[in-house]
Amino acid sequence: MRTLSVILPRITRPSTGKAAHLHSGNRLSTLTNFGSNPGKLKARYYLPPNLAKRPALVVAVHGCTQIPADYDVCSGWSKLAERHGFALLYPQQVRDNNGNLCFNWFLPGDIRREAGEALSIRQMIQTMCSRHKIAGEKIYVTGLSAGGAMANVLLSTYPEVFAGGAIIAGLPYATALTLSQAFERMRGHGMPSTRELRAKVLSASSHTGPWPTISVWHGTRDSTVAEVNARAIVEQWRGVHGLGEAPTVTETIDGQTRKVWKDNDGRQVVTLYSIEGMGHGLPLDLASGYGKRGPYMLDVGISSTAHIAYSWGLTRKLTRDRRDEAKPTHPLYMRIVHARLRTKS
């Protein structure tokens, strides 16, 4: 069998451009002394000048070959935080743990509650909460690829911590416990049943609810992490929430298909965004004014960052950069106008 050092560079090699200078003007600070740190991770964070008195916290977990500064610039998270007064935390993988800077979402010692990388990130969150008066009911996590899988690890092992999560091009929790299983799941092979997927989350902690809301984002042409993983994540959390098999709503948002599963109170609990024709990466809409092209940061006409922030109540509406607000012919404005005209007709 091919080794990790042979396979991972091939599947994680940036498909466009280089990551070298994306983080010029980096605004992130280093988080130190955040606990015993059994996973031996590093951490970066951002507090905007207009930080709320009891701010929300978004934990953003980068993908393989990435670093927090690049992930921040390309995703647009700190730009949104600057406008809306919430805090950001970026766990950072180190090469001593994984040569390709992937979070170890498939190693048993790193995906259990009170152990490894999962506990290190939990300690980062606790430190941010105590030092910066974070609102405990407004903590969220998102991540891309291996970072998306690690976001799902955190949601599963510490569900009481998070109000919501967004998993982008990621994988279901605890379906791989060895390297060979990890690559099988990435290819979409050997996925457990819905009952087994649900049981993995329920056994990850003693928590009995309420559970965090979940959104899943995946490209239909992702050749690195097969799209079946997105459906498996939906099944995993649909099972945990006790939702019906069929989505409550199927609609088109910014030209992409969105399926929503609601609970009995009409609350959107699980959401799946299928990005038509997109490969492996994070969906961006550069016309929104948020984000920047980079490796695995893909301009496909829908801003996952803006939609995720809005779904969590961090913004009052789907916002765009202030400098574009006075431009009535801006592409985002025109798309909204055309959508409204189609609805009225």
C-alpha atoms as a PDB file:
ATOM      1  CA  MET A   1       0.000   0.000   0.000  1.00  0.00           C
ATOM      2  CA  ARG A   2       1.201   3.538  -0.777  1.00  0.00           C
ATOM      3  CA  THR A   3       2.250   5.502   2.279  1.00  0.00           C
ATOM      4  CA  LEU A   4       0.777   8.715   3.620  1.00  0.00           C
ATOM      5  CA  SER A   5       3.875  10.657   2.547  1.00  0.00           C
ATOM      6  CA  VAL A   6       3.359   9.495  -1.045  1.00  0.00           C
ATOM      7  CA  ILE A   7      -0.405   9.926  -1.356  1.00  0.00           C
ATOM      8  CA  LEU A   8      -1.177  13.070   0.629  1.00  0.00           C
ATOM      9  CA  PRO A   9       1.096  15.415  -1.349  1.00  0.00           C
ATOM     10  CA  ARG A  10      -0.662  14.320  -4.535  1.00  0.00           C
ATOM     11  CA  ILE A  11      -4.209  14.844  -3.283  1.00  0.00           C
ATOM     12  CA  THR A  12      -3.453  18.050  -1.375  1.00  0.00           C
ATOM     13  CA  ARG A  13      -1.212  19.805  -3.896  1.00  0.00           C
ATOM     14  CA  PRO A  14      -2.741  23.218  -4.691  1.00  0.00           C
ATOM     15  CA  SER A  15      -4.507  23.150  -8.026  1.00  0.00           C
ATOM     16  CA  THR A  16      -4.170  26.881  -8.714  1.00  0.00           C
ATOM     17  CA  GLY A  17      -1.598  29.386  -7.609  1.00  0.00           C
ATOM     18  CA  LYS A  18       0.634  29.319  -4.558  1.00  0.00           C
ATOM     19  CA  ALA A  19      -0.165  30.044  -0.929  1.00  0.00           C
ATOM     20  CA  ALA A  20       3.067  31.997  -0.419  1.00  0.00           C
ATOM     21  CA  HIS A  21       1.908  35.616  -0.134  1.00  0.00           C
ATOM     22  CA  LEU A  22      -1.827  35.386   0.405  1.00  0.00           C
ATOM     23  CA  HIS A  23      -1.530  36.504   4.021  1.00  0.00           C
ATOM     24  CA  SER A  24       0.217  39.817   3.474  1.00  0.00           C
ATOM     25  CA  GLY A  25      -1.155  42.247   6.054  1.00  0.00           C
ATOM     26  CA  ASN A  26      -2.105  39.334   8.313  1.00  0.00           C
ATOM     27  CA  ARG A  27      -4.297  40.546  11.185  1.00  0.00           C
ATOM     28  CA  LEU A  28      -4.286  37.382  13.327  1.00  0.00           C
ATOM     29  CA  SER A  29      -2.731  37.193  16.797  1.00  0.00           C
ATOM     30  CA  THR A  30      -1.161  34.175  18.472  1.00  0.00           C
ATOM     31  CA  LEU A  31      -3.061  32.433  21.279  1.00  0.00           C
ATOM     32  CA  THR A  32      -0.697  31.135  23.963  1.00  0.00           C
ATOM     33  CA  ASN A  33      -0.992  29.227  27.233  1.00  0.00           C
ATOM     34  CA  PHE A  34      -4.329  27.633  26.393  1.00  0.00           C
ATOM     35  CA  GLY A  35      -3.985  24.467  28.442  1.00  0.00           C
ATOM     36  CA  SER A  36      -2.165  21.161  28.451  1.00  0.00           C
ATOM     37  CA  ASN A  37      -2.552  20.995  24.651  1.00  0.00           C
ATOM     38  CA  PRO A  38      -2.291  17.194  24.260  1.00  0.00           C
ATOM     39  CA  GLY A  39      -2.628  17.494  20.478  1.00  0.00           C
ATOM     40  CA  LYS A  40       0.388  19.829  20.346  1.00  0.00           C
ATOM     41  CA  LEU A  41      -1.411  22.348  18.125  1.00  0.00           C
ATOM     42  CA  LYS A  42      -0.916  26.079  17.703  1.00  0.00           C
ATOM     43  CA  ALA A  43      -3.662  28.694  17.579  1.00  0.00           C
ATOM     44  CA  ARG A  44      -4.365  32.113  16.080  1.00  0.00           C
ATOM     45  CA  TYR A  45      -7.267  34.459  16.747  1.00  0.00           C
ATOM     46  CA  TYR A  46      -8.822  37.758  15.681  1.00  0.00           C
ATOM     47  CA  LEU A  47     -10.715  40.350  17.712  1.00  0.00           C
ATOM     48  CA  PRO A  48     -12.165  43.204  15.650  1.00  0.00           C
ATOM     49  CA  PRO A  49     -11.990  46.790  16.979  1.00  0.00           C
ATOM     50  CA  ASN A  50     -15.775  46.841  17.413  1.00  0.00           C
ATOM     51  CA  LEU A  51     -15.932  43.556  19.355  1.00  0.00           C
ATOM     52  CA  ALA A  52     -19.334  43.111  20.994  1.00  0.00           C
ATOM     53  CA  LYS A  53     -19.577  43.094  24.803  1.00  0.00           C
ATOM     54  CA  ARG A  54     -20.465  39.392  24.760  1.00  0.00           C
ATOM     55  CA  PRO A  55     -19.286  38.379  21.300  1.00  0.00           C
ATOM     56  CA  ALA A  56     -19.988  35.243  19.357  1.00  0.00           C
ATOM     57  CA  LEU A  57     -17.008  33.040  18.495  1.00  0.00           C
ATOM     58  CA  VAL A  58     -16.404  31.304  15.161  1.00  0.00           C
ATOM     59  CA  VAL A  59     -13.830  28.504  15.189  1.00  0.00           C
ATOM     60  CA  ALA A  60     -12.455  28.084  11.652  1.00  0.00           C
ATOM     61  CA  VAL A  61     -10.395  24.971  10.897  1.00  0.00           C
ATOM     62  CA  HIS A  62      -8.097  25.086   7.867  1.00  0.00           C
ATOM     63  CA  GLY A  63      -7.550  22.307   5.342  1.00  0.00           C
ATOM     64  CA  CYS A  64      -4.425  20.391   4.343  1.00  0.00           C
ATOM     65  CA  THR A  65      -1.419  22.489   3.212  1.00  0.00           C
ATOM     66  CA  GLN A  66      -3.113  25.640   4.537  1.00  0.00           C
ATOM     67  CA  ILE A  67      -2.293  27.985   7.414  1.00  0.00           C
ATOM     68  CA  PRO A  68      -4.719  30.184   9.380  1.00  0.00           C
ATOM     69  CA  ALA A  69      -3.604  33.469   7.802  1.00  0.00           C
ATOM     70  CA  ASP A  70      -4.273  32.241   4.260  1.00  0.00           C
ATOM     71  CA  TYR A  71      -7.531  30.567   5.228  1.00  0.00           C
ATOM     72  CA  ASP A  72      -8.687  33.795   6.866  1.00  0.00           C
ATOM     73  CA  VAL A  73      -7.818  36.052   3.925  1.00  0.00           C
ATOM     74  CA  CYS A  74      -9.314  33.742   1.314  1.00  0.00           C
ATOM     75  CA  SER A  75     -12.494  32.852   3.212  1.00  0.00           C
ATOM     76  CA  GLY A  76     -13.245  36.441   4.222  1.00  0.00           C
ATOM     77  CA  TRP A  77     -14.089  35.583   7.826  1.00  0.00           C
ATOM     78  CA  SER A  78     -12.165  38.399   9.529  1.00  0.00           C
ATOM     79  CA  LYS A  79     -13.624  40.947   7.123  1.00  0.00           C
ATOM     80  CA  LEU A  80     -17.115  39.857   8.188  1.00  0.00           C
ATOM     81  CA  ALA A  81     -16.039  39.836  11.841  1.00  0.00           C
ATOM     82  CA  GLU A  82     -14.778  43.387  11.485  1.00  0.00           C
ATOM     83  CA  ARG A  83     -18.177  44.515  10.269  1.00  0.00           C
ATOM     84  CA  HIS A  84     -20.268  42.562  12.762  1.00  0.00           C
ATOM     85  CA  GLY A  85     -18.231  42.408  15.959  1.00  0.00           C
ATOM     86  CA  PHE A  86     -17.658  38.690  16.537  1.00  0.00           C
ATOM     87  CA  ALA A  87     -14.425  36.873  17.426  1.00  0.00           C
ATOM     88  CA  LEU A  88     -12.491  34.287  15.425  1.00  0.00           C
ATOM     89  CA  LEU A  89     -10.331  31.365  16.499  1.00  0.00           C
ATOM     90  CA  TYR A  90      -8.078  29.472  14.084  1.00  0.00           C
ATOM     91  CA  PRO A  91      -6.596  26.184  15.337  1.00  0.00           C
ATOM     92  CA  GLN A  92      -3.322  25.530  13.525  1.00  0.00           C
ATOM     93  CA  GLN A  93      -1.839  22.173  12.636  1.00  0.00           C
ATOM     94  CA  VAL A  94       1.950  21.705  12.779  1.00  0.00           C
ATOM     95  CA  ARG A  95       4.217  19.541  10.644  1.00  0.00           C
ATOM     96  CA  ASP A  96       5.374  17.451  13.602  1.00  0.00           C
ATOM     97  CA  ASN A  97       1.788  16.127  13.792  1.00  0.00           C
ATOM     98  CA  ASN A  98       1.139  15.864  10.063  1.00  0.00           C
ATOM     99  CA  GLY A  99       3.617  16.643   7.306  1.00  0.00           C
ATOM    100  CA  ASN A 100       0.895  18.107   5.080  1.00  0.00           C
ATOM    101  CA  LEU A 101      -0.702  20.179   7.858  1.00  0.00           C
ATOM    102  CA  CYS A 102      -3.858  18.045   7.804  1.00  0.00           C
ATOM    103  CA  PHE A 103      -5.786  17.739  11.044  1.00  0.00           C
ATOM    104  CA  ASN A 104      -5.791  14.063  12.043  1.00  0.00           C
ATOM    105  CA  TRP A 105      -9.530  13.427  11.730  1.00  0.00           C
ATOM    106  CA  PHE A 106      -8.937   9.665  11.314  1.00  0.00           C
ATOM    107  CA  LEU A 107      -6.655   8.921  14.295  1.00  0.00           C
ATOM    108  CA  PRO A 108      -8.508   7.526  17.347  1.00  0.00           C
ATOM    109  CA  GLY A 109      -6.247   9.383  19.779  1.00  0.00           C
ATOM    110  CA  ASP A 110      -7.159  12.739  18.209  1.00  0.00           C
ATOM    111  CA  ILE A 111     -10.920  12.390  17.749  1.00  0.00           C
ATOM    112  CA  ARG A 112     -12.039  11.354  21.233  1.00  0.00           C
ATOM    113  CA  ARG A 113     -13.466  13.649  23.859  1.00  0.00           C
ATOM    114  CA  GLU A 114     -10.806  14.723  26.358  1.00  0.00           C
ATOM    115  CA  ALA A 115      -7.938  13.577  24.136  1.00  0.00           C
ATOM    116  CA  GLY A 116      -5.555  14.707  21.420  1.00  0.00           C
ATOM    117  CA  GLU A 117      -6.321  17.403  18.889  1.00  0.00           C
ATOM    118  CA  ALA A 118     -10.010  17.553  19.820  1.00  0.00           C
ATOM    119  CA  LEU A 119      -9.173  18.418  23.432  1.00  0.00           C
ATOM    120  CA  SER A 120      -6.519  20.944  22.368  1.00  0.00           C
ATOM    121  CA  ILE A 121      -9.124  22.855  20.346  1.00  0.00           C
ATOM    122  CA  ARG A 122     -11.603  22.619  23.213  1.00  0.00           C
ATOM    123  CA  GLN A 123      -8.958  24.180  25.472  1.00  0.00           C
ATOM    124  CA  MET A 124      -8.425  26.985  22.942  1.00  0.00           C
ATOM    125  CA  ILE A 125     -12.148  27.720  23.040  1.00  0.00           C
ATOM    126  CA  GLN A 126     -12.224  27.733  26.835  1.00  0.00           C
ATOM    127  CA  THR A 127      -9.302  30.156  26.881  1.00  0.00           C
ATOM    128  CA  MET A 128     -10.969  32.494  24.387  1.00  0.00           C
ATOM    129  CA  CYS A 129     -14.159  32.404  26.462  1.00  0.00           C
ATOM    130  CA  SER A 130     -12.422  33.276  29.724  1.00  0.00           C
ATOM    131  CA  ARG A 131     -10.153  35.967  28.291  1.00  0.00           C
ATOM    132  CA  HIS A 132     -12.583  37.713  25.970  1.00  0.00           C
ATOM    133  CA  LYS A 133     -16.036  37.217  27.565  1.00  0.00           C
ATOM    134  CA  ILE A 134     -17.371  35.104  24.703  1.00  0.00           C
ATOM    135  CA  ALA A 135     -21.118  34.404  24.808  1.00  0.00           C
ATOM    136  CA  GLY A 136     -21.240  30.698  25.631  1.00  0.00           C
ATOM    137  CA  GLU A 137     -24.440  30.183  23.653  1.00  0.00           C
ATOM    138  CA  LYS A 138     -22.891  31.682  20.502  1.00  0.00           C
ATOM    139  CA  ILE A 139     -19.968  29.407  19.671  1.00  0.00           C
ATOM    140  CA  TYR A 140     -19.771  27.946  16.165  1.00  0.00           C
ATOM    141  CA  VAL A 141     -17.323  25.853  14.164  1.00  0.00           C
ATOM    142  CA  THR A 142     -16.590  25.493  10.474  1.00  0.00           C
ATOM    143  CA  GLY A 143     -13.830  23.892   8.437  1.00  0.00           C
ATOM    144  CA  LEU A 144     -12.675  22.810   4.996  1.00  0.00           C
ATOM    145  CA  SER A 145     -11.722  19.282   3.906  1.00  0.00           C
ATOM    146  CA  ALA A 146      -9.641  17.727   6.717  1.00  0.00           C
ATOM    147  CA  GLY A 147     -10.621  20.831   8.678  1.00  0.00           C
ATOM    148  CA  GLY A 148     -14.258  20.100   7.867  1.00  0.00           C
ATOM    149  CA  ALA A 149     -13.808  16.565   9.134  1.00  0.00           C
ATOM    150  CA  MET A 150     -12.203  17.945  12.303  1.00  0.00           C
ATOM    151  CA  ALA A 151     -15.092  20.405  12.682  1.00  0.00           C
ATOM    152  CA  ASN A 152     -17.379  17.376  12.658  1.00  0.00           C
ATOM    153  CA  VAL A 153     -15.147  15.733  15.278  1.00  0.00           C
ATOM    154  CA  LEU A 154     -15.624  18.762  17.534  1.00  0.00           C
ATOM    155  CA  LEU A 155     -19.385  18.883  16.958  1.00  0.00           C
ATOM    156  CA  SER A 156     -19.609  15.190  17.823  1.00  0.00           C
ATOM    157  CA  THR A 157     -17.301  15.070  20.840  1.00  0.00           C
ATOM    158  CA  TYR A 158     -18.319  18.437  22.350  1.00  0.00           C
ATOM    159  CA  PRO A 159     -21.885  19.018  21.109  1.00  0.00           C
ATOM    160  CA  GLU A 160     -22.796  21.001  24.225  1.00  0.00           C
ATOM    161  CA  VAL A 161     -20.209  23.640  23.275  1.00  0.00           C
ATOM    162  CA  PHE A 162     -21.523  24.559  19.836  1.00  0.00           C
ATOM    163  CA  ALA A 163     -24.731  26.199  18.683  1.00  0.00           C
ATOM    164  CA  GLY A 164     -23.978  25.296  15.082  1.00  0.00           C
ATOM    165  CA  GLY A 165     -21.454  23.930  12.635  1.00  0.00           C
ATOM    166  CA  ALA A 166     -20.674  24.133   8.923  1.00  0.00           C
ATOM    167  CA  ILE A 167     -18.756  21.319   7.244  1.00  0.00           C
ATOM    168  CA  ILE A 168     -17.243  22.106   3.836  1.00  0.00           C
ATOM    169  CA  ALA A 169     -15.951  19.235   1.654  1.00  0.00           C
ATOM    170  CA  GLY A 170     -15.583  17.198   4.844  1.00  0.00           C
ATOM    171  CA  LEU A 171     -16.373  13.709   6.116  1.00  0.00           C
ATOM    172  CA  PRO A 172     -18.688  12.092   8.693  1.00  0.00           C
ATOM    173  CA  TYR A 173     -17.464  11.502  12.214  1.00  0.00           C
ATOM    174  CA  ALA A 174     -15.529   8.351  13.178  1.00  0.00           C
ATOM    175  CA  THR A 175     -16.063   6.452   9.933  1.00  0.00           C
ATOM    176  CA  ALA A 176     -12.295   6.062   9.539  1.00  0.00           C
ATOM    177  CA  LEU A 177      -9.958   5.003  12.337  1.00  0.00           C
ATOM    178  CA  THR A 178      -6.910   4.069  10.256  1.00  0.00           C
ATOM    179  CA  LEU A 179      -5.077   5.615   7.336  1.00  0.00           C
ATOM    180  CA  SER A 180      -6.347   3.006   4.872  1.00  0.00           C
ATOM    181  CA  GLN A 181      -9.933   3.575   6.037  1.00  0.00           C
ATOM    182  CA  ALA A 182      -9.448   7.325   5.649  1.00  0.00           C
ATOM    183  CA  PHE A 183      -8.644   6.982   1.968  1.00  0.00           C
ATOM    184  CA  GLU A 184     -11.484   4.529   1.443  1.00  0.00           C
ATOM    185  CA  ARG A 185     -13.968   6.998   2.946  1.00  0.00           C
ATOM    186  CA  MET A 186     -12.523   9.874   0.924  1.00  0.00           C
ATOM    187  CA  ARG A 187     -13.226   7.803  -2.189  1.00  0.00           C
ATOM    188  CA  GLY A 188     -16.738   7.182  -0.896  1.00  0.00           C
ATOM    189  CA  HIS A 189     -16.308   3.478  -0.160  1.00  0.00           C
ATOM    190  CA  GLY A 190     -17.538   1.535   2.866  1.00  0.00           C
ATOM    191  CA  MET A 191     -19.873   4.144   4.330  1.00  0.00           C
ATOM    192  CA  PRO A 192     -21.826   2.916   7.397  1.00  0.00           C
ATOM    193  CA  SER A 193     -25.617   2.863   7.560  1.00  0.00           C
ATOM    194  CA  THR A 194     -27.615   5.802   8.910  1.00  0.00           C
ATOM    195  CA  ARG A 195     -28.144   3.949  12.177  1.00  0.00           C
ATOM    196  CA  GLU A 196     -24.405   3.323  12.539  1.00  0.00           C
ATOM    197  CA  LEU A 197     -23.560   6.928  11.628  1.00  0.00           C
ATOM    198  CA  ARG A 198     -25.979   8.220  14.243  1.00  0.00           C
ATOM    199  CA  ALA A 199     -24.616   5.840  16.885  1.00  0.00           C
ATOM    200  CA  LYS A 200     -21.082   7.143  16.380  1.00  0.00           C
ATOM    201  CA  VAL A 201     -22.120  10.671  17.379  1.00  0.00           C
ATOM    202  CA  LEU A 202     -24.335   9.534  20.237  1.00  0.00           C
ATOM    203  CA  SER A 203     -21.501   7.465  21.715  1.00  0.00           C
ATOM    204  CA  ALA A 204     -18.921  10.267  21.415  1.00  0.00           C
ATOM    205  CA  SER A 205     -20.183  12.007  24.579  1.00  0.00           C
ATOM    206  CA  SER A 206     -22.804  11.673  27.290  1.00  0.00           C
ATOM    207  CA  HIS A 207     -24.739  14.608  25.843  1.00  0.00           C
ATOM    208  CA  THR A 208     -28.436  14.018  25.161  1.00  0.00           C
ATOM    209  CA  GLY A 209     -29.359  17.316  23.497  1.00  0.00           C
ATOM    210  CA  PRO A 210     -30.115  19.872  22.368  1.00  0.00           C
ATOM    211  CA  TRP A 211     -27.841  19.347  19.374  1.00  0.00           C
ATOM    212  CA  PRO A 212     -26.050  21.911  17.187  1.00  0.00           C
ATOM    213  CA  THR A 213     -27.503  22.858  13.832  1.00  0.00           C
ATOM    214  CA  ILE A 214     -25.499  21.618  10.849  1.00  0.00           C
ATOM    215  CA  SER A 215     -24.882  22.863   7.326  1.00  0.00           C
ATOM    216  CA  VAL A 216     -22.971  20.811   4.768  1.00  0.00           C
ATOM    217  CA  TRP A 217     -21.309  22.215   1.638  1.00  0.00           C
ATOM    218  CA  HIS A 218     -19.909  20.045  -1.160  1.00  0.00           C
ATOM    219  CA  GLY A 219     -19.048  20.299  -4.844  1.00  0.00           C
ATOM    220  CA  THR A 220     -20.658  17.840  -7.240  1.00  0.00           C
ATOM    221  CA  ARG A 221     -17.307  17.317  -8.994  1.00  0.00           C
ATOM    222  CA  ASP A 222     -15.130  16.875  -5.939  1.00  0.00           C
ATOM    223  CA  SER A 223     -12.564  14.212  -6.872  1.00  0.00           C
ATOM    224  CA  THR A 224     -10.646  14.434  -3.570  1.00  0.00           C
ATOM    225  CA  VAL A 225     -13.496  13.826  -1.119  1.00  0.00           C
ATOM    226  CA  ALA A 226     -16.383  12.057  -2.850  1.00  0.00           C
ATOM    227  CA  GLU A 227     -19.758  13.767  -2.633  1.00  0.00           C
ATOM    228  CA  VAL A 228     -21.262  10.726  -0.920  1.00  0.00           C
ATOM    229  CA  ASN A 229     -19.522  11.983   2.220  1.00  0.00           C
ATOM    230  CA  ALA A 230     -21.764  15.058   2.247  1.00  0.00           C
ATOM    231  CA  ARG A 231     -24.846  12.864   2.131  1.00  0.00           C
ATOM    232  CA  ALA A 232     -23.405  10.688   4.892  1.00  0.00           C
ATOM    233  CA  ILE A 233     -22.853  13.751   7.122  1.00  0.00           C
ATOM    234  CA  VAL A 234     -26.473  14.752   6.525  1.00  0.00           C
ATOM    235  CA  GLU A 235     -27.597  11.223   7.416  1.00  0.00           C
ATOM    236  CA  GLN A 236     -25.426  11.257  10.530  1.00  0.00           C
ATOM    237  CA  TRP A 237     -26.927  14.460  11.901  1.00  0.00           C
ATOM    238  CA  ARG A 238     -30.426  13.866  10.553  1.00  0.00           C
ATOM    239  CA  GLY A 239     -30.382  10.690  12.603  1.00  0.00           C
ATOM    240  CA  VAL A 240     -29.105  12.453  15.712  1.00  0.00           C
ATOM    241  CA  HIS A 241     -31.825  15.112  15.425  1.00  0.00           C
ATOM    242  CA  GLY A 242     -34.503  12.509  14.680  1.00  0.00           C
ATOM    243  CA  LEU A 243     -35.560  14.144  11.409  1.00  0.00           C
ATOM    244  CA  GLY A 244     -37.438  12.567   8.531  1.00  0.00           C
ATOM    245  CA  GLU A 245     -35.659  11.171   5.507  1.00  0.00           C
ATOM    246  CA  ALA A 246     -37.052  13.667   2.985  1.00  0.00           C
ATOM    247  CA  PRO A 247     -35.969  17.325   3.187  1.00  0.00           C
ATOM    248  CA  THR A 248     -38.596  19.829   4.291  1.00  0.00           C
ATOM    249  CA  VAL A 249     -37.512  22.325   1.635  1.00  0.00           C
ATOM    250  CA  THR A 250     -35.625  21.999  -1.650  1.00  0.00           C
ATOM    251  CA  GLU A 251     -34.803  25.291  -3.328  1.00  0.00           C
ATOM    252  CA  THR A 252     -32.294  27.162  -5.456  1.00  0.00           C
ATOM    253  CA  ILE A 253     -30.036  29.716  -3.743  1.00  0.00           C
ATOM    254  CA  ASP A 254     -27.574  31.742  -5.822  1.00  0.00           C
ATOM    255  CA  GLY A 255     -27.984  29.172  -8.561  1.00  0.00           C
ATOM    256  CA  GLN A 256     -27.201  26.210  -6.277  1.00  0.00           C
ATOM    257  CA  THR A 257     -29.399  23.507  -4.767  1.00  0.00           C
ATOM    258  CA  ARG A 258     -30.147  23.763  -1.076  1.00  0.00           C
ATOM    259  CA  LYS A 259     -32.017  21.109   0.877  1.00  0.00           C
ATOM    260  CA  VAL A 260     -33.281  21.866   4.372  1.00  0.00           C
ATOM    261  CA  TRP A 261     -34.505  19.563   7.118  1.00  0.00           C
ATOM    262  CA  LYS A 262     -36.609  21.356   9.749  1.00  0.00           C
ATOM    263  CA  ASP A 263     -37.655  20.194  13.185  1.00  0.00           C
ATOM    264  CA  ASN A 264     -41.207  20.210  14.546  1.00  0.00           C
ATOM    265  CA  ASP A 265     -40.853  23.877  15.529  1.00  0.00           C
ATOM    266  CA  GLY A 266     -39.980  24.842  11.962  1.00  0.00           C
ATOM    267  CA  ARG A 267     -36.340  25.532  12.804  1.00  0.00           C
ATOM    268  CA  GLN A 268     -33.756  24.806  10.100  1.00  0.00           C
ATOM    269  CA  VAL A 269     -31.649  22.086  11.672  1.00  0.00           C
ATOM    270  CA  VAL A 270     -29.727  20.359   8.858  1.00  0.00           C
ATOM    271  CA  THR A 271     -28.939  21.982   5.518  1.00  0.00           C
ATOM    272  CA  LEU A 272     -27.165  20.606   2.447  1.00  0.00           C
ATOM    273  CA  TYR A 273     -25.703  22.852  -0.264  1.00  0.00           C
ATOM    274  CA  SER A 274     -24.731  21.012  -3.468  1.00  0.00           C
ATOM    275  CA  ILE A 275     -22.473  23.244  -5.559  1.00  0.00           C
ATOM    276  CA  GLU A 276     -22.924  22.231  -9.190  1.00  0.00           C
ATOM    277  CA  GLY A 277     -19.683  21.573 -11.060  1.00  0.00           C
ATOM    278  CA  MET A 278     -17.425  22.603  -8.171  1.00  0.00           C
ATOM    279  CA  GLY A 279     -14.348  20.570  -7.332  1.00  0.00           C
ATOM    280  CA  HIS A 280     -12.653  20.285  -3.964  1.00  0.00           C
ATOM    281  CA  GLY A 281     -12.726  23.562  -2.094  1.00  0.00           C
ATOM    282  CA  LEU A 282     -14.576  26.325  -0.314  1.00  0.00           C
ATOM    283  CA  PRO A 283     -17.313  28.154  -2.289  1.00  0.00           C
ATOM    284  CA  LEU A 284     -16.798  31.895  -2.692  1.00  0.00           C
ATOM    285  CA  ASP A 285     -18.535  34.741  -4.431  1.00  0.00           C
ATOM    286  CA  LEU A 286     -15.872  37.394  -4.992  1.00  0.00           C
ATOM    287  CA  ALA A 287     -18.554  39.793  -6.206  1.00  0.00           C
ATOM    288  CA  SER A 288     -19.833  39.892  -2.610  1.00  0.00           C
ATOM    289  CA  GLY A 289     -16.627  41.626  -1.534  1.00  0.00           C
ATOM    290  CA  TYR A 290     -15.645  38.794   0.813  1.00  0.00           C
ATOM    291  CA  GLY A 291     -12.871  36.334   0.128  1.00  0.00           C
ATOM    292  CA  LYS A 292      -9.993  35.900  -2.270  1.00  0.00           C
ATOM    293  CA  ARG A 293      -9.000  33.219  -4.756  1.00  0.00           C
ATOM    294  CA  GLY A 294      -6.384  30.757  -3.580  1.00  0.00           C
ATOM    295  CA  PRO A 295      -5.678  27.036  -3.450  1.00  0.00           C
ATOM    296  CA  TYR A 296      -9.025  25.344  -2.780  1.00  0.00           C
ATOM    297  CA  MET A 297     -10.743  28.719  -2.485  1.00  0.00           C
ATOM    298  CA  LEU A 298     -13.113  28.735  -5.465  1.00  0.00           C
ATOM    299  CA  ASP A 299     -15.157  31.607  -6.909  1.00  0.00           C
ATOM    300  CA  VAL A 300     -18.385  29.845  -7.894  1.00  0.00           C
ATOM    301  CA  GLY A 301     -20.946  32.610  -7.337  1.00  0.00           C
ATOM    302  CA  ILE A 302     -22.054  31.721  -3.818  1.00  0.00           C
ATOM    303  CA  SER A 303     -20.348  32.855  -0.619  1.00  0.00           C
ATOM    304  CA  SER A 304     -20.374  30.023   1.902  1.00  0.00           C
ATOM    305  CA  THR A 305     -18.904  32.418   4.483  1.00  0.00           C
ATOM    306  CA  ALA A 306     -21.709  34.967   4.103  1.00  0.00           C
ATOM    307  CA  HIS A 307     -24.450  32.314   4.078  1.00  0.00           C
ATOM    308  CA  ILE A 308     -23.014  30.493   7.086  1.00  0.00           C
ATOM    309  CA  ALA A 309     -22.664  33.714   9.105  1.00  0.00           C
ATOM    310  CA  TYR A 310     -26.234  34.678   8.256  1.00  0.00           C
ATOM    311  CA  SER A 311     -27.606  31.255   9.215  1.00  0.00           C
ATOM    312  CA  TRP A 312     -25.928  31.595  12.620  1.00  0.00           C
ATOM    313  CA  GLY A 313     -27.425  35.028  13.198  1.00  0.00           C
ATOM    314  CA  LEU A 314     -24.047  36.754  13.067  1.00  0.00           C
ATOM    315  CA  THR A 315     -25.366  39.082  10.376  1.00  0.00           C
ATOM    316  CA  ARG A 316     -28.898  40.436  10.041  1.00  0.00           C
ATOM    317  CA  LYS A 317     -28.950  39.839   6.311  1.00  0.00           C
ATOM    318  CA  LEU A 318     -26.747  38.429   3.588  1.00  0.00           C
ATOM    319  CA  THR A 319     -24.224  41.242   3.486  1.00  0.00           C
ATOM    320  CA  ARG A 320     -21.607  42.416   1.074  1.00  0.00           C
ATOM    321  CA  ASP A 321     -18.617  44.720   1.452  1.00  0.00           C
ATOM    322  CA  ARG A 322     -19.581  48.347   2.214  1.00  0.00           C
ATOM    323  CA  ARG A 323     -17.564  49.669  -0.701  1.00  0.00           C
ATOM    324  CA  ASP A 324     -19.951  47.878  -3.071  1.00  0.00           C
ATOM    325  CA  GLU A 325     -23.223  49.008  -1.473  1.00  0.00           C
ATOM    326  CA  ALA A 326     -23.485  52.179  -3.558  1.00  0.00           C
ATOM    327  CA  LYS A 327     -23.030  50.359  -6.863  1.00  0.00           C
ATOM    328  CA  PRO A 328     -26.501  49.453  -8.206  1.00  0.00           C
ATOM    329  CA  THR A 329     -24.983  47.589 -11.181  1.00  0.00           C
ATOM    330  CA  HIS A 330     -22.819  45.365  -9.000  1.00  0.00           C
ATOM    331  CA  PRO A 331     -23.208  41.684 -10.106  1.00  0.00           C
ATOM    332  CA  LEU A 332     -24.529  40.612  -6.693  1.00  0.00           C
ATOM    333  CA  TYR A 333     -27.164  43.382  -6.795  1.00  0.00           C
ATOM    334  CA  MET A 334     -28.207  42.404 -10.314  1.00  0.00           C
ATOM    335  CA  ARG A 335     -28.555  38.729  -9.340  1.00  0.00           C
ATOM    336  CA  ILE A 336     -30.851  39.736  -6.465  1.00  0.00           C
ATOM    337  CA  VAL A 337     -32.931  41.949  -8.788  1.00  0.00           C
ATOM    338  CA  HIS A 338     -33.290  39.219 -11.404  1.00  0.00           C
ATOM    339  CA  ALA A 339     -34.211  36.657  -8.738  1.00  0.00           C
ATOM    340  CA  ARG A 340     -36.953  38.916  -7.399  1.00  0.00           C
ATOM    341  CA  LEU A 341     -38.305  39.557 -10.885  1.00  0.00           C
ATOM    342  CA  ARG A 342     -38.465  35.808 -11.564  1.00  0.00           C
ATOM    343  CA  THR A 343     -40.294  35.290  -8.278  1.00  0.00           C
ATOM    344  CA  LYS A 344     -42.885  37.981  -9.095  1.00  0.00           C
ATOM    345  CA  SER A 345     -43.461  36.560 -12.578  1.00  0.00           C
END
